[in-house]
Amino acid sequence: MELDFEFELSKGKQNSLGETLKVVEHIQNNIKEIDKLFLCFFSNNSLVAMRAMNATKRIIKGDNHIFVENKKRFIDEFSESEHNVVKLGLITIYYDFISYFDDKEYKVISKNAMSWVENSKDWMILAQGLKLLEKLSNSDEILKSNVISIARQLKNDERKAVRSQAQKILKDT
């Protein structure tokens, strides 16, 4: 059965999963259609992009081979999405799958995450991005210095999650 992912992921109320689980089940039974789901990261509709990322995270947590086979795309291609929800999803995927990356990939991930944190006002990107950058900076003194600098700027942020993550980084150094 052919499934229009963009249409399915646009259904339902704003703060619901909509038909995300239907799409997940369809992909699990038709894994060759995963590319159609990935295209939704670039949808004009941010709700579709968010639900596509949610579906993707569910799929790769259930079958990490899908992540491994598409790892380069998660780093290079999907990071080009304009949607903050995709960037946030990538940050959490990078964090959860950190052991799958090599040193060269760490550098690209660090660059992506640093750019997102430096250019975002979104509290979730800032908080989760700092968390990822802190983890990545354990083996990179230059990155660590940059992360500390950003944490200093955000240590008094009005948003508790951002402020707490920044203060944690400063406390741990």
N, C-alpha and C. Protein backbone atom coordinates (compact mmCIF):
# COMPACT_ATOMS: atom_id res chain seq x y z
N MET A 1 0.84 -1.18 0.00
CA MET A 1 0.00 0.00 0.00
C MET A 1 0.88 1.25 0.00
N GLU A 2 0.63 2.14 -0.91
CA GLU A 2 1.35 3.41 -1.00
C GLU A 2 0.82 4.36 0.07
N LEU A 3 1.71 5.00 0.79
CA LEU A 3 1.31 5.92 1.85
C LEU A 3 1.93 7.29 1.58
N ASP A 4 1.11 8.32 1.62
CA ASP A 4 1.59 9.69 1.44
C ASP A 4 2.00 10.20 2.82
N PHE A 5 3.29 10.13 3.11
CA PHE A 5 3.78 10.48 4.45
C PHE A 5 3.48 11.93 4.81
N GLU A 6 3.69 12.83 3.89
CA GLU A 6 3.44 14.25 4.17
C GLU A 6 1.99 14.46 4.58
N PHE A 7 1.08 13.84 3.86
CA PHE A 7 -0.34 13.97 4.18
C PHE A 7 -0.65 13.33 5.53
N GLU A 8 -0.17 12.11 5.75
CA GLU A 8 -0.44 11.40 7.01
C GLU A 8 0.11 12.16 8.21
N LEU A 9 1.30 12.71 8.06
CA LEU A 9 1.93 13.41 9.18
C LEU A 9 1.33 14.80 9.42
N SER A 10 0.55 15.29 8.48
CA SER A 10 -0.10 16.60 8.67
C SER A 10 -1.45 16.47 9.37
N LYS A 11 -1.96 15.26 9.49
CA LYS A 11 -3.28 15.03 10.09
C LYS A 11 -3.23 15.18 11.61
N GLY A 12 -4.37 15.52 12.17
CA GLY A 12 -4.50 15.55 13.63
C GLY A 12 -4.24 16.92 14.22
N LYS A 13 -4.47 16.99 15.52
CA LYS A 13 -4.30 18.25 16.24
C LYS A 13 -2.83 18.59 16.39
N GLN A 14 -2.56 19.87 16.54
CA GLN A 14 -1.20 20.41 16.61
C GLN A 14 -0.33 19.69 17.64
N ASN A 15 -0.81 19.52 18.86
CA ASN A 15 0.01 18.95 19.93
C ASN A 15 -0.25 17.46 20.14
N SER A 16 -0.48 16.76 19.04
CA SER A 16 -0.69 15.32 19.13
C SER A 16 0.29 14.62 18.20
N LEU A 17 0.32 13.32 18.30
CA LEU A 17 1.15 12.53 17.39
C LEU A 17 0.53 12.44 16.00
N GLY A 18 -0.75 12.77 15.90
CA GLY A 18 -1.43 12.62 14.61
C GLY A 18 -1.33 11.18 14.15
N GLU A 19 -0.89 10.98 12.93
CA GLU A 19 -0.74 9.62 12.37
C GLU A 19 0.71 9.14 12.40
N THR A 20 1.51 9.69 13.31
CA THR A 20 2.93 9.33 13.39
C THR A 20 3.12 7.83 13.58
N LEU A 21 2.37 7.24 14.47
CA LEU A 21 2.55 5.80 14.75
C LEU A 21 2.14 4.94 13.56
N LYS A 22 1.16 5.40 12.79
CA LYS A 22 0.78 4.70 11.56
C LYS A 22 1.95 4.71 10.57
N VAL A 23 2.62 5.85 10.46
CA VAL A 23 3.78 5.98 9.57
C VAL A 23 4.92 5.09 10.06
N VAL A 24 5.16 5.08 11.37
CA VAL A 24 6.22 4.23 11.95
C VAL A 24 5.96 2.77 11.60
N GLU A 25 4.74 2.32 11.83
CA GLU A 25 4.39 0.92 11.53
C GLU A 25 4.57 0.62 10.04
N HIS A 26 4.15 1.55 9.20
CA HIS A 26 4.29 1.35 7.75
C HIS A 26 5.77 1.21 7.37
N ILE A 27 6.61 2.07 7.91
CA ILE A 27 8.05 2.01 7.60
C ILE A 27 8.65 0.71 8.11
N GLN A 28 8.28 0.31 9.30
CA GLN A 28 8.82 -0.93 9.86
C GLN A 28 8.48 -2.14 8.98
N ASN A 29 7.35 -2.07 8.30
CA ASN A 29 6.94 -3.15 7.40
C ASN A 29 7.39 -2.93 5.95
N ASN A 30 7.86 -1.73 5.64
CA ASN A 30 8.30 -1.37 4.28
C ASN A 30 9.55 -0.50 4.37
N ILE A 31 10.61 -1.04 4.91
CA ILE A 31 11.80 -0.26 5.26
C ILE A 31 12.39 0.47 4.06
N LYS A 32 12.16 -0.02 2.87
CA LYS A 32 12.71 0.64 1.68
C LYS A 32 12.09 2.01 1.44
N GLU A 33 11.00 2.31 2.13
CA GLU A 33 10.34 3.61 1.97
C GLU A 33 10.85 4.66 2.96
N ILE A 34 11.89 4.34 3.70
CA ILE A 34 12.42 5.27 4.71
C ILE A 34 12.82 6.61 4.10
N ASP A 35 13.30 6.60 2.87
CA ASP A 35 13.70 7.86 2.23
C ASP A 35 12.53 8.83 2.09
N LYS A 36 11.34 8.30 1.87
CA LYS A 36 10.15 9.16 1.78
C LYS A 36 9.91 9.87 3.11
N LEU A 37 10.15 9.15 4.20
CA LEU A 37 10.01 9.76 5.52
C LEU A 37 11.07 10.84 5.71
N PHE A 38 12.31 10.54 5.34
CA PHE A 38 13.39 11.51 5.49
C PHE A 38 13.13 12.79 4.71
N LEU A 39 12.47 12.68 3.56
CA LEU A 39 12.14 13.88 2.77
C LEU A 39 11.25 14.85 3.56
N CYS A 40 10.48 14.32 4.48
CA CYS A 40 9.58 15.16 5.27
C CYS A 40 10.33 16.09 6.21
N PHE A 41 11.62 15.86 6.46
CA PHE A 41 12.41 16.80 7.26
C PHE A 41 12.49 18.16 6.57
N PHE A 42 12.26 18.16 5.28
CA PHE A 42 12.38 19.37 4.47
C PHE A 42 11.02 19.91 4.02
N SER A 43 9.96 19.40 4.62
CA SER A 43 8.61 19.85 4.30
C SER A 43 8.46 21.34 4.59
N ASN A 44 7.56 21.99 3.89
CA ASN A 44 7.24 23.38 4.20
C ASN A 44 6.46 23.50 5.50
N ASN A 45 5.88 22.39 5.93
CA ASN A 45 5.05 22.34 7.13
C ASN A 45 5.91 21.86 8.31
N SER A 46 6.13 22.72 9.29
CA SER A 46 6.99 22.35 10.42
C SER A 46 6.38 21.23 11.26
N LEU A 47 5.05 21.11 11.28
CA LEU A 47 4.40 20.02 12.00
C LEU A 47 4.76 18.68 11.35
N VAL A 48 4.77 18.64 10.04
CA VAL A 48 5.16 17.43 9.31
C VAL A 48 6.62 17.09 9.62
N ALA A 49 7.48 18.09 9.60
CA ALA A 49 8.90 17.86 9.90
C ALA A 49 9.09 17.33 11.32
N MET A 50 8.35 17.90 12.27
CA MET A 50 8.44 17.46 13.67
C MET A 50 8.00 16.00 13.81
N ARG A 51 6.88 15.68 13.20
CA ARG A 51 6.38 14.31 13.31
C ARG A 51 7.26 13.33 12.55
N ALA A 52 7.86 13.77 11.45
CA ALA A 52 8.80 12.91 10.72
C ALA A 52 10.01 12.61 11.59
N MET A 53 10.50 13.60 12.32
CA MET A 53 11.63 13.38 13.22
C MET A 53 11.22 12.45 14.36
N ASN A 54 10.03 12.66 14.90
CA ASN A 54 9.53 11.78 15.96
C ASN A 54 9.46 10.34 15.46
N ALA A 55 8.91 10.15 14.28
CA ALA A 55 8.82 8.81 13.69
C ALA A 55 10.20 8.21 13.48
N THR A 56 11.12 9.01 12.96
CA THR A 56 12.48 8.53 12.70
C THR A 56 13.15 8.09 13.98
N LYS A 57 13.02 8.88 15.04
CA LYS A 57 13.65 8.51 16.32
C LYS A 57 13.07 7.20 16.84
N ARG A 58 11.78 7.01 16.71
CA ARG A 58 11.16 5.75 17.14
C ARG A 58 11.70 4.57 16.33
N ILE A 59 11.85 4.79 15.03
CA ILE A 59 12.32 3.71 14.14
C ILE A 59 13.76 3.35 14.44
N ILE A 60 14.64 4.34 14.56
CA ILE A 60 16.07 4.03 14.74
C ILE A 60 16.37 3.51 16.15
N LYS A 61 15.56 3.89 17.12
CA LYS A 61 15.76 3.32 18.46
C LYS A 61 15.35 1.86 18.48
N GLY A 62 14.41 1.49 17.63
CA GLY A 62 13.99 0.10 17.52
C GLY A 62 14.90 -0.73 16.64
N ASP A 63 15.59 -0.09 15.71
CA ASP A 63 16.48 -0.79 14.78
C ASP A 63 17.64 0.13 14.43
N ASN A 64 18.72 0.02 15.20
CA ASN A 64 19.84 0.94 15.00
C ASN A 64 20.58 0.73 13.68
N HIS A 65 20.30 -0.37 12.98
CA HIS A 65 20.91 -0.58 11.66
C HIS A 65 20.47 0.50 10.68
N ILE A 66 19.25 0.97 10.84
CA ILE A 66 18.75 2.03 9.96
C ILE A 66 19.56 3.30 10.20
N PHE A 67 19.86 3.56 11.48
CA PHE A 67 20.71 4.72 11.77
C PHE A 67 22.09 4.54 11.16
N VAL A 68 22.69 3.39 11.38
CA VAL A 68 24.05 3.13 10.90
C VAL A 68 24.12 3.29 9.38
N GLU A 69 23.14 2.74 8.68
CA GLU A 69 23.13 2.82 7.21
C GLU A 69 22.96 4.25 6.70
N ASN A 70 22.38 5.12 7.52
CA ASN A 70 22.10 6.50 7.10
C ASN A 70 22.87 7.53 7.92
N LYS A 71 23.86 7.08 8.67
CA LYS A 71 24.59 7.95 9.60
C LYS A 71 25.11 9.21 8.92
N LYS A 72 25.74 9.06 7.79
CA LYS A 72 26.30 10.21 7.08
C LYS A 72 25.20 11.21 6.72
N ARG A 73 24.05 10.73 6.35
CA ARG A 73 22.94 11.61 6.01
C ARG A 73 22.45 12.40 7.24
N PHE A 74 22.45 11.74 8.40
CA PHE A 74 22.05 12.43 9.63
C PHE A 74 23.01 13.58 9.93
N ILE A 75 24.26 13.42 9.57
CA ILE A 75 25.26 14.45 9.84
C ILE A 75 25.26 15.53 8.77
N ASP A 76 25.30 15.15 7.51
CA ASP A 76 25.51 16.10 6.42
C ASP A 76 24.23 16.61 5.76
N GLU A 77 23.32 15.73 5.49
CA GLU A 77 22.13 16.09 4.71
C GLU A 77 21.00 16.65 5.57
N PHE A 78 20.60 15.90 6.58
CA PHE A 78 19.43 16.30 7.37
C PHE A 78 19.71 17.56 8.19
N SER A 79 20.96 17.81 8.49
CA SER A 79 21.33 19.02 9.25
C SER A 79 21.06 20.29 8.45
N GLU A 80 20.77 20.16 7.17
CA GLU A 80 20.47 21.31 6.32
C GLU A 80 19.00 21.75 6.41
N SER A 81 18.19 21.00 7.12
CA SER A 81 16.78 21.39 7.27
C SER A 81 16.70 22.73 7.99
N GLU A 82 15.73 23.53 7.58
CA GLU A 82 15.55 24.84 8.21
C GLU A 82 14.76 24.76 9.51
N HIS A 83 14.16 23.61 9.78
CA HIS A 83 13.26 23.48 10.92
C HIS A 83 14.02 23.23 12.23
N ASN A 84 13.71 24.04 13.24
CA ASN A 84 14.31 23.83 14.56
C ASN A 84 13.97 22.46 15.13
N VAL A 85 12.77 21.96 14.83
CA VAL A 85 12.39 20.65 15.36
C VAL A 85 13.28 19.54 14.80
N VAL A 86 13.74 19.70 13.58
CA VAL A 86 14.67 18.72 13.00
C VAL A 86 16.04 18.86 13.65
N LYS A 87 16.49 20.09 13.82
CA LYS A 87 17.78 20.32 14.48
C LYS A 87 17.77 19.76 15.89
N LEU A 88 16.70 20.01 16.63
CA LEU A 88 16.59 19.47 17.98
C LEU A 88 16.60 17.94 17.96
N GLY A 89 15.88 17.35 17.03
CA GLY A 89 15.88 15.89 16.90
C GLY A 89 17.26 15.36 16.59
N LEU A 90 17.98 16.04 15.72
CA LEU A 90 19.35 15.62 15.39
C LEU A 90 20.26 15.73 16.61
N ILE A 91 20.11 16.79 17.39
CA ILE A 91 20.91 16.93 18.61
C ILE A 91 20.69 15.73 19.52
N THR A 92 19.44 15.33 19.71
CA THR A 92 19.17 14.19 20.60
C THR A 92 19.66 12.88 19.99
N ILE A 93 19.56 12.75 18.68
CA ILE A 93 20.08 11.54 18.02
C ILE A 93 21.60 11.50 18.15
N TYR A 94 22.27 12.61 17.90
CA TYR A 94 23.73 12.65 18.05
C TYR A 94 24.11 12.26 19.47
N TYR A 95 23.39 12.77 20.44
CA TYR A 95 23.68 12.47 21.85
C TYR A 95 23.47 10.98 22.13
N ASP A 96 22.34 10.46 21.70
CA ASP A 96 22.00 9.06 21.99
C ASP A 96 22.89 8.07 21.25
N PHE A 97 23.38 8.45 20.08
CA PHE A 97 24.18 7.54 19.25
C PHE A 97 25.65 7.96 19.19
N ILE A 98 26.12 8.68 20.19
CA ILE A 98 27.46 9.25 20.19
C ILE A 98 28.55 8.21 19.96
N SER A 99 28.35 7.01 20.46
CA SER A 99 29.38 5.97 20.34
C SER A 99 29.52 5.45 18.90
N TYR A 100 28.61 5.81 18.03
CA TYR A 100 28.65 5.35 16.64
C TYR A 100 29.50 6.25 15.74
N PHE A 101 29.93 7.39 16.27
CA PHE A 101 30.65 8.37 15.45
C PHE A 101 32.15 8.28 15.65
N ASP A 102 32.90 8.58 14.58
CA ASP A 102 34.36 8.63 14.69
C ASP A 102 34.79 10.09 14.90
N ASP A 103 36.09 10.31 15.04
CA ASP A 103 36.61 11.65 15.34
C ASP A 103 36.25 12.68 14.28
N LYS A 104 36.32 12.29 13.02
CA LYS A 104 35.97 13.21 11.93
C LYS A 104 34.50 13.61 12.02
N GLU A 105 33.65 12.64 12.31
CA GLU A 105 32.22 12.92 12.44
C GLU A 105 31.94 13.78 13.67
N TYR A 106 32.68 13.56 14.77
CA TYR A 106 32.55 14.40 15.96
C TYR A 106 32.76 15.87 15.60
N LYS A 107 33.75 16.11 14.76
CA LYS A 107 34.07 17.50 14.37
C LYS A 107 32.89 18.15 13.64
N VAL A 108 32.29 17.41 12.72
CA VAL A 108 31.16 17.95 11.96
C VAL A 108 29.96 18.15 12.88
N ILE A 109 29.70 17.17 13.74
CA ILE A 109 28.59 17.28 14.68
C ILE A 109 28.81 18.48 15.61
N SER A 110 30.03 18.63 16.09
CA SER A 110 30.36 19.76 16.98
C SER A 110 30.12 21.08 16.26
N LYS A 111 30.55 21.15 15.02
CA LYS A 111 30.37 22.38 14.22
C LYS A 111 28.88 22.68 14.03
N ASN A 112 28.10 21.64 13.68
CA ASN A 112 26.66 21.82 13.50
C ASN A 112 26.02 22.31 14.80
N ALA A 113 26.28 21.59 15.88
CA ALA A 113 25.65 21.92 17.17
C ALA A 113 26.07 23.31 17.64
N MET A 114 27.34 23.65 17.47
CA MET A 114 27.82 24.97 17.88
C MET A 114 27.10 26.06 17.08
N SER A 115 26.95 25.86 15.80
CA SER A 115 26.26 26.83 14.95
C SER A 115 24.81 26.98 15.38
N TRP A 116 24.14 25.87 15.66
CA TRP A 116 22.74 25.93 16.07
C TRP A 116 22.59 26.66 17.40
N VAL A 117 23.47 26.38 18.34
CA VAL A 117 23.40 27.03 19.65
C VAL A 117 23.71 28.53 19.52
N GLU A 118 24.71 28.86 18.75
CA GLU A 118 25.09 30.27 18.59
C GLU A 118 24.03 31.09 17.86
N ASN A 119 23.25 30.45 17.01
CA ASN A 119 22.30 31.18 16.17
C ASN A 119 20.84 30.95 16.53
N SER A 120 20.59 30.34 17.68
CA SER A 120 19.22 30.02 18.04
C SER A 120 18.79 30.78 19.29
N LYS A 121 17.52 31.05 19.36
CA LYS A 121 16.90 31.59 20.58
C LYS A 121 15.99 30.53 21.21
N ASP A 122 15.80 29.42 20.51
CA ASP A 122 14.94 28.34 20.97
C ASP A 122 15.54 27.69 22.22
N TRP A 123 14.80 27.68 23.31
CA TRP A 123 15.35 27.20 24.58
C TRP A 123 15.72 25.72 24.52
N MET A 124 14.98 24.93 23.76
CA MET A 124 15.30 23.49 23.70
C MET A 124 16.58 23.25 22.91
N ILE A 125 16.78 23.99 21.83
CA ILE A 125 18.04 23.87 21.07
C ILE A 125 19.20 24.30 21.96
N LEU A 126 19.02 25.39 22.70
CA LEU A 126 20.10 25.87 23.56
C LEU A 126 20.42 24.85 24.66
N ALA A 127 19.41 24.38 25.37
CA ALA A 127 19.65 23.46 26.49
C ALA A 127 20.21 22.12 26.01
N GLN A 128 19.57 21.52 25.01
CA GLN A 128 20.03 20.22 24.52
C GLN A 128 21.33 20.34 23.74
N GLY A 129 21.49 21.45 23.02
CA GLY A 129 22.73 21.68 22.29
C GLY A 129 23.92 21.81 23.23
N LEU A 130 23.73 22.54 24.33
CA LEU A 130 24.80 22.65 25.34
C LEU A 130 25.14 21.29 25.94
N LYS A 131 24.11 20.50 26.20
CA LYS A 131 24.33 19.16 26.76
C LYS A 131 25.17 18.31 25.81
N LEU A 132 24.83 18.34 24.53
CA LEU A 132 25.60 17.60 23.53
C LEU A 132 27.02 18.14 23.42
N LEU A 133 27.14 19.45 23.34
CA LEU A 133 28.47 20.06 23.20
C LEU A 133 29.36 19.76 24.40
N GLU A 134 28.76 19.75 25.58
CA GLU A 134 29.55 19.40 26.78
C GLU A 134 30.11 17.99 26.64
N LYS A 135 29.28 17.07 26.19
CA LYS A 135 29.72 15.68 26.02
C LYS A 135 30.82 15.59 24.95
N LEU A 136 30.64 16.28 23.85
CA LEU A 136 31.63 16.25 22.77
C LEU A 136 32.94 16.93 23.16
N SER A 137 32.87 17.90 24.06
CA SER A 137 34.06 18.68 24.40
C SER A 137 34.99 17.97 25.37
N ASN A 138 34.59 16.81 25.88
CA ASN A 138 35.44 16.08 26.82
C ASN A 138 36.80 15.73 26.22
N SER A 139 36.86 15.59 24.93
CA SER A 139 38.13 15.21 24.29
C SER A 139 38.65 16.30 23.34
N ASP A 140 38.12 17.53 23.47
CA ASP A 140 38.52 18.61 22.57
C ASP A 140 38.60 19.91 23.37
N GLU A 141 39.80 20.32 23.70
CA GLU A 141 40.01 21.50 24.55
C GLU A 141 39.54 22.80 23.90
N ILE A 142 39.69 22.92 22.59
CA ILE A 142 39.23 24.13 21.90
C ILE A 142 37.71 24.22 21.96
N LEU A 143 37.05 23.10 21.68
CA LEU A 143 35.59 23.07 21.78
C LEU A 143 35.16 23.36 23.21
N LYS A 144 35.84 22.76 24.18
CA LYS A 144 35.50 22.98 25.59
C LYS A 144 35.56 24.47 25.93
N SER A 145 36.58 25.15 25.46
CA SER A 145 36.72 26.58 25.71
C SER A 145 35.55 27.36 25.10
N ASN A 146 35.15 26.99 23.89
CA ASN A 146 34.01 27.65 23.24
C ASN A 146 32.70 27.37 23.96
N VAL A 147 32.54 26.14 24.44
CA VAL A 147 31.32 25.77 25.16
C VAL A 147 31.25 26.55 26.49
N ILE A 148 32.38 26.66 27.16
CA ILE A 148 32.42 27.43 28.42
C ILE A 148 32.06 28.89 28.16
N SER A 149 32.56 29.44 27.07
CA SER A 149 32.25 30.82 26.71
C SER A 149 30.75 31.01 26.49
N ILE A 150 30.13 30.09 25.79
CA ILE A 150 28.68 30.17 25.56
C ILE A 150 27.94 29.98 26.88
N ALA A 151 28.39 29.04 27.70
CA ALA A 151 27.74 28.80 29.00
C ALA A 151 27.79 30.06 29.86
N ARG A 152 28.89 30.78 29.83
CA ARG A 152 28.99 32.04 30.59
C ARG A 152 27.94 33.05 30.13
N GLN A 153 27.72 33.09 28.83
CA GLN A 153 26.73 34.02 28.28
C GLN A 153 25.30 33.63 28.68
N LEU A 154 25.09 32.34 28.90
CA LEU A 154 23.73 31.84 29.16
C LEU A 154 23.47 31.50 30.63
N LYS A 155 24.44 31.70 31.50
CA LYS A 155 24.31 31.26 32.89
C LYS A 155 23.21 31.99 33.65
N ASN A 156 22.80 33.15 33.18
CA ASN A 156 21.72 33.91 33.83
C ASN A 156 20.48 34.01 32.94
N ASP A 157 20.38 33.12 31.97
CA ASP A 157 19.24 33.13 31.05
C ASP A 157 17.94 33.00 31.84
N GLU A 158 16.91 33.68 31.38
CA GLU A 158 15.62 33.65 32.08
C GLU A 158 14.94 32.28 32.01
N ARG A 159 15.33 31.48 31.05
CA ARG A 159 14.73 30.15 30.90
C ARG A 159 15.51 29.14 31.74
N LYS A 160 14.79 28.50 32.65
CA LYS A 160 15.43 27.64 33.65
C LYS A 160 16.27 26.52 33.02
N ALA A 161 15.76 25.86 32.00
CA ALA A 161 16.49 24.73 31.39
C ALA A 161 17.82 25.20 30.79
N VAL A 162 17.79 26.35 30.14
CA VAL A 162 19.01 26.90 29.53
C VAL A 162 19.98 27.31 30.62
N ARG A 163 19.48 28.06 31.59
CA ARG A 163 20.31 28.54 32.70
C ARG A 163 20.93 27.37 33.46
N SER A 164 20.12 26.36 33.77
CA SER A 164 20.61 25.20 34.53
C SER A 164 21.70 24.45 33.77
N GLN A 165 21.52 24.25 32.47
CA GLN A 165 22.53 23.53 31.68
C GLN A 165 23.81 24.35 31.60
N ALA A 166 23.70 25.65 31.43
CA ALA A 166 24.88 26.51 31.38
C ALA A 166 25.62 26.49 32.72
N GLN A 167 24.87 26.58 33.80
CA GLN A 167 25.50 26.56 35.13
C GLN A 167 26.14 25.21 35.42
N LYS A 168 25.54 24.14 34.97
CA LYS A 168 26.12 22.80 35.15
C LYS A 168 27.47 22.71 34.44
N ILE A 169 27.53 23.21 33.24
CA ILE A 169 28.79 23.19 32.48
C ILE A 169 29.86 23.97 33.22
N LEU A 170 29.50 25.14 33.72
CA LEU A 170 30.48 25.98 34.42
C LEU A 170 30.91 25.33 35.74
N LYS A 171 29.99 24.67 36.39
CA LYS A 171 30.31 23.99 37.66
C LYS A 171 31.24 22.80 37.43
N ASP A 172 31.03 22.10 36.32
CA ASP A 172 31.81 20.90 36.02
C ASP A 172 33.22 21.20 35.51
N THR A 173 33.51 22.47 35.24
CA THR A 173 34.85 22.80 34.70
C THR A 173 35.79 23.27 35.78
